[in-house]
Amino acid sequence: MDVIVQIPDDIASRIADGKGSCLSQCALEALAAEQYRLGNLNKPDLRRLFGFVTSHQIDGFLKAHNVYEEYTMDDLERELEGLRRLGV
């Protein structure tokens, strides 16, 4: 699907990172990062959108866009219990 967004030139030049990056790629990345944060996209979706090959690429993309997975004390306790069962 193609999406057209009208942005005034002066604002568009400020949004682009100044390194000649394509504004449409910036918009796609921002949209994908926000939709991942909201739970509407998952890691396989990001892999398809951007052609990522490794999970490190996906994690790097998320980190670059300040998207961090929620990690609770319950998550920590579950992991610690699993390690204890393994004798670690």
Protein backbone atom coordinates (compact mmCIF):
# COMPACT_ATOMS: atom_id res chain seq x y z
CA MET A 1 0.00 0.00 0.00
CA ASP A 2 1.25 3.46 -0.81
CA VAL A 3 0.55 6.28 1.63
CA ILE A 4 1.00 9.93 0.72
CA VAL A 5 1.62 12.49 3.46
CA GLN A 6 1.77 16.21 2.82
CA ILE A 7 4.57 17.91 4.80
CA PRO A 8 5.77 21.48 4.25
CA ASP A 9 9.32 21.54 2.84
CA ASP A 10 10.82 23.44 5.78
CA ILE A 11 9.42 20.93 8.27
CA ALA A 12 10.40 17.96 6.11
CA SER A 13 14.00 19.16 5.99
CA ARG A 14 14.08 19.33 9.80
CA ILE A 15 12.59 15.86 10.15
CA ALA A 16 15.15 14.23 7.87
CA ASP A 17 18.35 13.58 9.76
CA GLY A 18 20.47 15.89 7.59
CA LYS A 19 22.48 12.98 6.23
CA GLY A 20 20.46 12.70 3.06
CA SER A 21 18.24 9.96 4.38
CA CYS A 22 14.98 9.36 2.62
CA LEU A 23 12.07 10.96 4.43
CA SER A 24 9.74 8.13 3.46
CA GLN A 25 12.09 5.65 5.20
CA CYS A 26 12.16 7.86 8.30
CA ALA A 27 8.35 7.96 8.31
CA LEU A 28 8.08 4.19 7.87
CA GLU A 29 10.54 3.54 10.68
CA ALA A 30 8.75 5.94 13.05
CA LEU A 31 5.38 4.38 12.23
CA ALA A 32 6.68 0.83 12.65
CA ALA A 33 8.42 1.62 15.95
CA GLU A 34 5.29 3.24 17.38
CA GLN A 35 3.03 0.42 16.20
CA TYR A 36 5.42 -2.12 17.76
CA ARG A 37 5.35 -0.14 21.01
CA LEU A 38 1.52 -0.20 20.92
CA GLY A 39 1.47 -3.95 20.28
CA ASN A 40 0.05 -3.73 16.76
CA LEU A 41 3.24 -5.10 15.17
CA ASN A 42 5.54 -7.88 16.33
CA LYS A 43 9.14 -8.82 15.56
CA PRO A 44 8.25 -11.00 12.54
CA ASP A 45 6.36 -7.99 11.14
CA LEU A 46 9.45 -5.80 11.55
CA ARG A 47 11.55 -8.51 9.88
CA ARG A 48 9.21 -8.44 6.86
CA LEU A 49 8.99 -4.65 6.69
CA PHE A 50 12.72 -4.01 6.78
CA GLY A 51 14.23 -7.28 5.57
CA PHE A 52 16.05 -7.96 8.82
CA VAL A 53 17.89 -11.27 8.86
CA THR A 54 18.92 -11.54 12.50
CA SER A 55 17.23 -10.82 15.80
CA HIS A 56 20.15 -8.50 16.58
CA GLN A 57 19.08 -6.28 13.68
CA ILE A 58 15.55 -6.13 15.03
CA ASP A 59 16.77 -5.38 18.54
CA GLY A 60 19.10 -2.70 17.15
CA PHE A 61 16.22 -1.09 15.27
CA LEU A 62 14.07 -1.05 18.41
CA LYS A 63 16.89 0.35 20.53
CA ALA A 64 17.61 3.07 17.94
CA HIS A 65 13.96 4.10 18.19
CA ASN A 66 13.90 3.97 22.01
CA VAL A 67 11.52 1.01 22.11
CA TYR A 68 12.23 -1.26 25.03
CA GLU A 69 10.37 -4.38 26.04
CA GLU A 70 8.67 -4.28 29.40
CA TYR A 71 10.47 -6.49 31.88
CA THR A 72 8.77 -6.92 35.23
CA MET A 73 9.83 -8.39 38.54
CA ASP A 74 7.60 -11.36 37.71
CA ASP A 75 9.64 -11.91 34.54
CA LEU A 76 12.84 -11.85 36.59
CA GLU A 77 11.44 -14.29 39.15
CA ARG A 78 10.39 -16.72 36.39
CA GLU A 79 13.84 -16.59 34.84
CA LEU A 80 15.56 -17.06 38.19
CA GLU A 81 13.35 -20.04 38.99
CA GLY A 82 14.21 -21.57 35.62
CA LEU A 83 17.91 -21.09 36.29
CA ARG A 84 17.57 -22.65 39.74
CA ARG A 85 15.87 -25.71 38.20
CA LEU A 86 18.82 -26.01 35.82
CA GLY A 87 21.25 -25.81 38.71
CA VAL A 88 22.75 -22.49 37.65
